[in-house]
Amino acid sequence: MRIHSGAFKGRILRTPDGQETRPMLARVRESLFSTLGGIEEGQAVLDLFSGSGSMGIEALSRGASHVRFLERGRKALDVLRANLELVGAHDRAEVIGGDALDKRNWGAPREGAPGTSVELQPWARVILMDPPYPMLRGGEREKVLVAATTLVQDVLLSGGALVLHGHPRDLGQDALSLPDMQLDYRVMGRTALLYVWK
């Protein structure tokens, strides 16, 4: 998996063995960042269900000042840390091994130790959510959608965007009900991207 733009352009990232993670296709990742209009220097990103870290590392490559990665898979965490070391971006990254849907992991950087109770406040310009496909099909679907809504309302900065990635049969354009927000839904083959602009 290759980084497509920015300071780390051309670097090849590792991916975990097995079926636990499903890295986003390069053309989808490129389309996502193109739709976002770029990451400006100084912006913070929250990357939930990070896997190998390809999306968050792409954001760092394009100028993000800080990315918080949330991933609970042990193999994926090892690969994510190795990828950050490979590109030399660990000083702008915060890796949390834990539940991406746990609000205690969403507080502003350096506000408190990860996993401690914090009052949520807007701090992220971009929030990336790439849950495993089974989560959007099963009993956890509602938890993912409630988390996305809370993240938009309480963590996303005004002018920012949340992007939810899933399979089109599991993630429709009406998955989130946020009447005051601008939503944009795009399908690329077997991939759906739901953008929420605040």
C-alpha atoms as a PDB file:
ATOM      1  CA  MET A   1       0.000   0.000   0.000  1.00  0.00           C
ATOM      2  CA  ARG A   2       1.551   3.255  -1.178  1.00  0.00           C
ATOM      3  CA  ILE A   3       1.202   6.849   0.075  1.00  0.00           C
ATOM      4  CA  HIS A   4      -0.047   8.979  -2.823  1.00  0.00           C
ATOM      5  CA  SER A   5       0.741  12.571  -1.975  1.00  0.00           C
ATOM      6  CA  GLY A   6       2.706  14.879   0.266  1.00  0.00           C
ATOM      7  CA  ALA A   7       5.888  14.469   2.269  1.00  0.00           C
ATOM      8  CA  PHE A   8       5.728  10.646   2.328  1.00  0.00           C
ATOM      9  CA  LYS A   9       4.655  10.229  -1.313  1.00  0.00           C
ATOM     10  CA  GLY A  10       5.734   6.887  -2.730  1.00  0.00           C
ATOM     11  CA  ARG A  11       6.435   5.254   0.646  1.00  0.00           C
ATOM     12  CA  ILE A  12       5.072   1.722   0.828  1.00  0.00           C
ATOM     13  CA  LEU A  13       3.257   0.837   4.045  1.00  0.00           C
ATOM     14  CA  ARG A  14       2.939  -2.592   5.575  1.00  0.00           C
ATOM     15  CA  THR A  15      -0.449  -4.254   6.021  1.00  0.00           C
ATOM     16  CA  PRO A  16      -1.428  -6.835   8.633  1.00  0.00           C
ATOM     17  CA  ASP A  17      -1.644 -10.465   7.577  1.00  0.00           C
ATOM     18  CA  GLY A  18      -5.045 -12.128   7.636  1.00  0.00           C
ATOM     19  CA  GLN A  19      -8.591 -10.881   7.267  1.00  0.00           C
ATOM     20  CA  GLU A  20      -8.893  -8.730  10.410  1.00  0.00           C
ATOM     21  CA  THR A  21      -8.318  -5.474   8.536  1.00  0.00           C
ATOM     22  CA  ARG A  22      -9.255  -4.374   5.040  1.00  0.00           C
ATOM     23  CA  PRO A  23      -7.072  -1.508   3.829  1.00  0.00           C
ATOM     24  CA  MET A  24      -8.902   1.096   1.764  1.00  0.00           C
ATOM     25  CA  LEU A  25      -8.147   0.864  -1.945  1.00  0.00           C
ATOM     26  CA  ALA A  26      -5.679   3.460  -3.212  1.00  0.00           C
ATOM     27  CA  ARG A  27      -8.156   5.041  -5.657  1.00  0.00           C
ATOM     28  CA  VAL A  28     -10.768   5.358  -2.904  1.00  0.00           C
ATOM     29  CA  ARG A  29      -8.243   6.919  -0.520  1.00  0.00           C
ATOM     30  CA  GLU A  30      -7.159   9.372  -3.228  1.00  0.00           C
ATOM     31  CA  SER A  31     -10.799  10.264  -3.968  1.00  0.00           C
ATOM     32  CA  LEU A  32     -11.489  10.771  -0.255  1.00  0.00           C
ATOM     33  CA  PHE A  33      -8.655  13.264   0.199  1.00  0.00           C
ATOM     34  CA  SER A  34      -9.504  14.993  -3.070  1.00  0.00           C
ATOM     35  CA  THR A  35     -13.100  15.456  -1.900  1.00  0.00           C
ATOM     36  CA  LEU A  36     -11.902  16.815   1.441  1.00  0.00           C
ATOM     37  CA  GLY A  37      -9.998  19.454  -0.517  1.00  0.00           C
ATOM     38  CA  GLY A  38      -6.705  18.666   1.128  1.00  0.00           C
ATOM     39  CA  ILE A  39      -5.431  18.767   4.660  1.00  0.00           C
ATOM     40  CA  GLU A  40      -4.034  22.113   5.665  1.00  0.00           C
ATOM     41  CA  GLU A  41      -0.950  22.396   7.807  1.00  0.00           C
ATOM     42  CA  GLY A  42      -1.828  22.595  11.472  1.00  0.00           C
ATOM     43  CA  GLN A  43      -5.045  20.596  11.267  1.00  0.00           C
ATOM     44  CA  ALA A  44      -5.736  17.690  13.623  1.00  0.00           C
ATOM     45  CA  VAL A  45      -7.269  14.394  12.493  1.00  0.00           C
ATOM     46  CA  LEU A  46      -9.021  11.607  14.388  1.00  0.00           C
ATOM     47  CA  ASP A  47      -8.675   8.200  12.675  1.00  0.00           C
ATOM     48  CA  LEU A  48     -11.029   5.578  14.123  1.00  0.00           C
ATOM     49  CA  PHE A  49     -10.654   1.875  13.281  1.00  0.00           C
ATOM     50  CA  SER A  50      -7.186   2.763  11.966  1.00  0.00           C
ATOM     51  CA  GLY A  51      -5.972  -0.672  10.881  1.00  0.00           C
ATOM     52  CA  SER A  52      -2.500  -0.232   9.387  1.00  0.00           C
ATOM     53  CA  GLY A  53      -2.875   3.556   9.602  1.00  0.00           C
ATOM     54  CA  SER A  54      -2.943   4.246   5.863  1.00  0.00           C
ATOM     55  CA  MET A  55      -5.591   6.986   6.032  1.00  0.00           C
ATOM     56  CA  GLY A  56      -4.107   8.793   9.024  1.00  0.00           C
ATOM     57  CA  ILE A  57      -0.578   8.522   7.634  1.00  0.00           C
ATOM     58  CA  GLU A  58      -1.824   9.909   4.308  1.00  0.00           C
ATOM     59  CA  ALA A  59      -3.249  12.853   6.306  1.00  0.00           C
ATOM     60  CA  LEU A  60       0.120  13.353   8.042  1.00  0.00           C
ATOM     61  CA  SER A  61       1.851  13.204   4.660  1.00  0.00           C
ATOM     62  CA  ARG A  62      -0.471  15.950   3.395  1.00  0.00           C
ATOM     63  CA  GLY A  63       0.259  18.289   6.307  1.00  0.00           C
ATOM     64  CA  ALA A  64      -1.855  17.316   9.322  1.00  0.00           C
ATOM     65  CA  SER A  65      -0.175  18.499  12.514  1.00  0.00           C
ATOM     66  CA  HIS A  66      -1.523  15.665  14.653  1.00  0.00           C
ATOM     67  CA  VAL A  67      -3.369  12.388  14.088  1.00  0.00           C
ATOM     68  CA  ARG A  68      -4.894  10.291  16.837  1.00  0.00           C
ATOM     69  CA  PHE A  69      -5.175   6.658  15.746  1.00  0.00           C
ATOM     70  CA  LEU A  70      -7.703   4.382  17.487  1.00  0.00           C
ATOM     71  CA  GLU A  71      -7.370   0.647  16.841  1.00  0.00           C
ATOM     72  CA  ARG A  72      -7.960  -2.374  19.050  1.00  0.00           C
ATOM     73  CA  GLY A  73      -6.504  -5.218  16.939  1.00  0.00           C
ATOM     74  CA  ARG A  74      -3.108  -6.291  18.279  1.00  0.00           C
ATOM     75  CA  LYS A  75      -1.636  -7.215  14.870  1.00  0.00           C
ATOM     76  CA  ALA A  76      -2.928  -4.018  13.302  1.00  0.00           C
ATOM     77  CA  LEU A  77      -1.482  -1.934  16.152  1.00  0.00           C
ATOM     78  CA  ASP A  78       1.955  -3.491  15.647  1.00  0.00           C
ATOM     79  CA  VAL A  79       1.820  -2.741  11.906  1.00  0.00           C
ATOM     80  CA  LEU A  80       0.489   0.785  12.526  1.00  0.00           C
ATOM     81  CA  ARG A  81       3.362   1.597  14.885  1.00  0.00           C
ATOM     82  CA  ALA A  82       5.869   0.125  12.415  1.00  0.00           C
ATOM     83  CA  ASN A  83       4.389   2.243   9.591  1.00  0.00           C
ATOM     84  CA  LEU A  84       4.665   5.418  11.669  1.00  0.00           C
ATOM     85  CA  GLU A  85       8.290   4.545  12.400  1.00  0.00           C
ATOM     86  CA  LEU A  86       8.878   3.852   8.689  1.00  0.00           C
ATOM     87  CA  VAL A  87       7.737   7.331   7.639  1.00  0.00           C
ATOM     88  CA  GLY A  88       9.178   9.058  10.708  1.00  0.00           C
ATOM     89  CA  ALA A  89       5.875  10.562  11.845  1.00  0.00           C
ATOM     90  CA  HIS A  90       5.519   9.153  15.349  1.00  0.00           C
ATOM     91  CA  ASP A  91       6.146  12.625  16.839  1.00  0.00           C
ATOM     92  CA  ARG A  92       2.889  13.890  15.257  1.00  0.00           C
ATOM     93  CA  ALA A  93       0.904  10.752  16.026  1.00  0.00           C
ATOM     94  CA  GLU A  94      -0.885   9.395  19.048  1.00  0.00           C
ATOM     95  CA  VAL A  95      -1.739   5.681  18.950  1.00  0.00           C
ATOM     96  CA  ILE A  96      -4.414   4.370  21.294  1.00  0.00           C
ATOM     97  CA  GLY A  97      -4.989   0.648  21.534  1.00  0.00           C
ATOM     98  CA  GLY A  98      -8.633   0.544  22.461  1.00  0.00           C
ATOM     99  CA  ASP A  99     -12.253   0.773  21.447  1.00  0.00           C
ATOM    100  CA  ALA A 100     -12.848   3.361  18.729  1.00  0.00           C
ATOM    101  CA  LEU A 101     -16.429   3.781  19.952  1.00  0.00           C
ATOM    102  CA  ASP A 102     -15.421   4.623  23.526  1.00  0.00           C
ATOM    103  CA  LYS A 103     -15.992   8.359  24.080  1.00  0.00           C
ATOM    104  CA  ARG A 104     -13.170   8.447  26.624  1.00  0.00           C
ATOM    105  CA  ASN A 105     -10.750   8.082  23.697  1.00  0.00           C
ATOM    106  CA  TRP A 106     -12.143  11.114  21.831  1.00  0.00           C
ATOM    107  CA  GLY A 107     -10.981  13.976  24.075  1.00  0.00           C
ATOM    108  CA  ALA A 108      -8.714  16.688  22.716  1.00  0.00           C
ATOM    109  CA  PRO A 109      -5.017  15.745  22.457  1.00  0.00           C
ATOM    110  CA  ARG A 110      -3.064  16.214  25.673  1.00  0.00           C
ATOM    111  CA  GLU A 111      -6.282  17.094  27.506  1.00  0.00           C
ATOM    112  CA  GLY A 112      -5.857  14.052  29.713  1.00  0.00           C
ATOM    113  CA  ALA A 113      -4.579  10.525  29.563  1.00  0.00           C
ATOM    114  CA  PRO A 114      -6.368   8.454  26.900  1.00  0.00           C
ATOM    115  CA  GLY A 115      -9.170   6.470  28.429  1.00  0.00           C
ATOM    116  CA  THR A 116      -9.843   9.008  31.185  1.00  0.00           C
ATOM    117  CA  SER A 117     -13.170  10.749  31.419  1.00  0.00           C
ATOM    118  CA  VAL A 118     -13.001  14.093  29.633  1.00  0.00           C
ATOM    119  CA  GLU A 119     -15.587  16.612  28.559  1.00  0.00           C
ATOM    120  CA  LEU A 120     -15.759  16.471  24.786  1.00  0.00           C
ATOM    121  CA  GLN A 121     -14.938  19.620  22.879  1.00  0.00           C
ATOM    122  CA  PRO A 122     -14.330  20.295  19.181  1.00  0.00           C
ATOM    123  CA  TRP A 123     -10.681  19.743  18.186  1.00  0.00           C
ATOM    124  CA  ALA A 124     -10.537  17.606  15.000  1.00  0.00           C
ATOM    125  CA  ARG A 125     -10.762  19.151  11.528  1.00  0.00           C
ATOM    126  CA  VAL A 126     -11.194  15.705   9.942  1.00  0.00           C
ATOM    127  CA  ILE A 127     -12.615  12.509  11.453  1.00  0.00           C
ATOM    128  CA  LEU A 128     -12.093   9.267   9.537  1.00  0.00           C
ATOM    129  CA  MET A 129     -14.250   6.234  10.410  1.00  0.00           C
ATOM    130  CA  ASP A 130     -13.502   2.924   8.705  1.00  0.00           C
ATOM    131  CA  PRO A 131     -15.281   0.280  10.818  1.00  0.00           C
ATOM    132  CA  PRO A 132     -15.034  -3.391   9.863  1.00  0.00           C
ATOM    133  CA  TYR A 133     -17.828  -4.189   7.416  1.00  0.00           C
ATOM    134  CA  PRO A 134     -19.494  -6.685   9.824  1.00  0.00           C
ATOM    135  CA  MET A 135     -20.012  -3.865  12.351  1.00  0.00           C
ATOM    136  CA  LEU A 136     -22.255  -2.027   9.882  1.00  0.00           C
ATOM    137  CA  ARG A 137     -24.225  -5.220   9.189  1.00  0.00           C
ATOM    138  CA  GLY A 138     -24.802  -6.521  12.683  1.00  0.00           C
ATOM    139  CA  GLY A 139     -25.853  -5.440  16.112  1.00  0.00           C
ATOM    140  CA  GLU A 140     -23.114  -2.809  16.372  1.00  0.00           C
ATOM    141  CA  ARG A 141     -24.410  -0.786  13.409  1.00  0.00           C
ATOM    142  CA  GLU A 142     -26.476   1.511  15.631  1.00  0.00           C
ATOM    143  CA  LYS A 143     -23.506   2.071  17.967  1.00  0.00           C
ATOM    144  CA  VAL A 144     -21.350   3.124  14.994  1.00  0.00           C
ATOM    145  CA  LEU A 145     -23.992   5.547  13.696  1.00  0.00           C
ATOM    146  CA  VAL A 146     -24.634   7.037  17.153  1.00  0.00           C
ATOM    147  CA  ALA A 147     -20.866   7.463  17.593  1.00  0.00           C
ATOM    148  CA  ALA A 148     -20.610   9.208  14.209  1.00  0.00           C
ATOM    149  CA  THR A 149     -23.403  11.601  15.187  1.00  0.00           C
ATOM    150  CA  THR A 150     -21.795  12.377  18.556  1.00  0.00           C
ATOM    151  CA  LEU A 151     -18.397  12.906  16.936  1.00  0.00           C
ATOM    152  CA  VAL A 152     -19.862  15.409  14.462  1.00  0.00           C
ATOM    153  CA  GLN A 153     -21.704  17.292  17.184  1.00  0.00           C
ATOM    154  CA  ASP A 154     -19.045  17.267  19.926  1.00  0.00           C
ATOM    155  CA  VAL A 155     -15.558  16.633  18.475  1.00  0.00           C
ATOM    156  CA  LEU A 156     -15.577  17.947  14.888  1.00  0.00           C
ATOM    157  CA  LEU A 157     -14.588  21.579  14.422  1.00  0.00           C
ATOM    158  CA  SER A 158     -16.842  23.927  12.489  1.00  0.00           C
ATOM    159  CA  GLY A 159     -15.861  23.732   8.825  1.00  0.00           C
ATOM    160  CA  GLY A 160     -14.560  20.182   9.267  1.00  0.00           C
ATOM    161  CA  ALA A 161     -15.695  16.855   7.853  1.00  0.00           C
ATOM    162  CA  LEU A 162     -16.384  13.358   9.111  1.00  0.00           C
ATOM    163  CA  VAL A 163     -16.027  10.536   6.577  1.00  0.00           C
ATOM    164  CA  LEU A 164     -17.689   7.164   7.194  1.00  0.00           C
ATOM    165  CA  HIS A 165     -16.529   4.287   4.979  1.00  0.00           C
ATOM    166  CA  GLY A 166     -18.523   1.112   4.382  1.00  0.00           C
ATOM    167  CA  HIS A 167     -20.093  -1.208   1.823  1.00  0.00           C
ATOM    168  CA  PRO A 168     -22.981   0.389  -0.138  1.00  0.00           C
ATOM    169  CA  ARG A 169     -25.477  -2.274   0.999  1.00  0.00           C
ATOM    170  CA  ASP A 170     -24.690  -1.454   4.648  1.00  0.00           C
ATOM    171  CA  LEU A 171     -24.141   2.295   4.435  1.00  0.00           C
ATOM    172  CA  GLY A 172     -26.773   4.260   2.551  1.00  0.00           C
ATOM    173  CA  GLN A 173     -27.000   7.992   1.980  1.00  0.00           C
ATOM    174  CA  ASP A 174     -29.644   8.205   4.717  1.00  0.00           C
ATOM    175  CA  ALA A 175     -27.594   6.353   7.369  1.00  0.00           C
ATOM    176  CA  LEU A 176     -27.125   9.512   9.445  1.00  0.00           C
ATOM    177  CA  SER A 177     -29.805  12.037  10.328  1.00  0.00           C
ATOM    178  CA  LEU A 178     -28.059  15.372  10.810  1.00  0.00           C
ATOM    179  CA  PRO A 179     -30.453  17.998   9.409  1.00  0.00           C
ATOM    180  CA  ASP A 180     -28.183  20.994  10.041  1.00  0.00           C
ATOM    181  CA  MET A 181     -25.191  19.425   8.285  1.00  0.00           C
ATOM    182  CA  GLN A 182     -24.281  19.042   4.636  1.00  0.00           C
ATOM    183  CA  LEU A 183     -24.080  15.371   3.637  1.00  0.00           C
ATOM    184  CA  ASP A 184     -22.405  13.985   0.539  1.00  0.00           C
ATOM    185  CA  TYR A 185     -22.702  10.301  -0.402  1.00  0.00           C
ATOM    186  CA  ARG A 186     -20.465   8.645  -2.984  1.00  0.00           C
ATOM    187  CA  VAL A 187     -20.227   5.062  -4.215  1.00  0.00           C
ATOM    188  CA  MET A 188     -17.158   3.643  -5.948  1.00  0.00           C
ATOM    189  CA  GLY A 189     -17.801   0.011  -6.858  1.00  0.00           C
ATOM    190  CA  ARG A 190     -18.167  -1.894  -3.591  1.00  0.00           C
ATOM    191  CA  THR A 191     -17.217   1.108  -1.468  1.00  0.00           C
ATOM    192  CA  ALA A 192     -19.424   3.844  -0.056  1.00  0.00           C
ATOM    193  CA  LEU A 193     -18.164   7.083   1.483  1.00  0.00           C
ATOM    194  CA  LEU A 194     -20.538   9.238   3.505  1.00  0.00           C
ATOM    195  CA  TYR A 195     -19.188  12.755   4.135  1.00  0.00           C
ATOM    196  CA  VAL A 196     -20.666  14.995   6.817  1.00  0.00           C
ATOM    197  CA  TRP A 197     -19.613  18.662   6.629  1.00  0.00           C
ATOM    198  CA  LYS A 198     -20.121  20.771   9.749  1.00  0.00           C
END
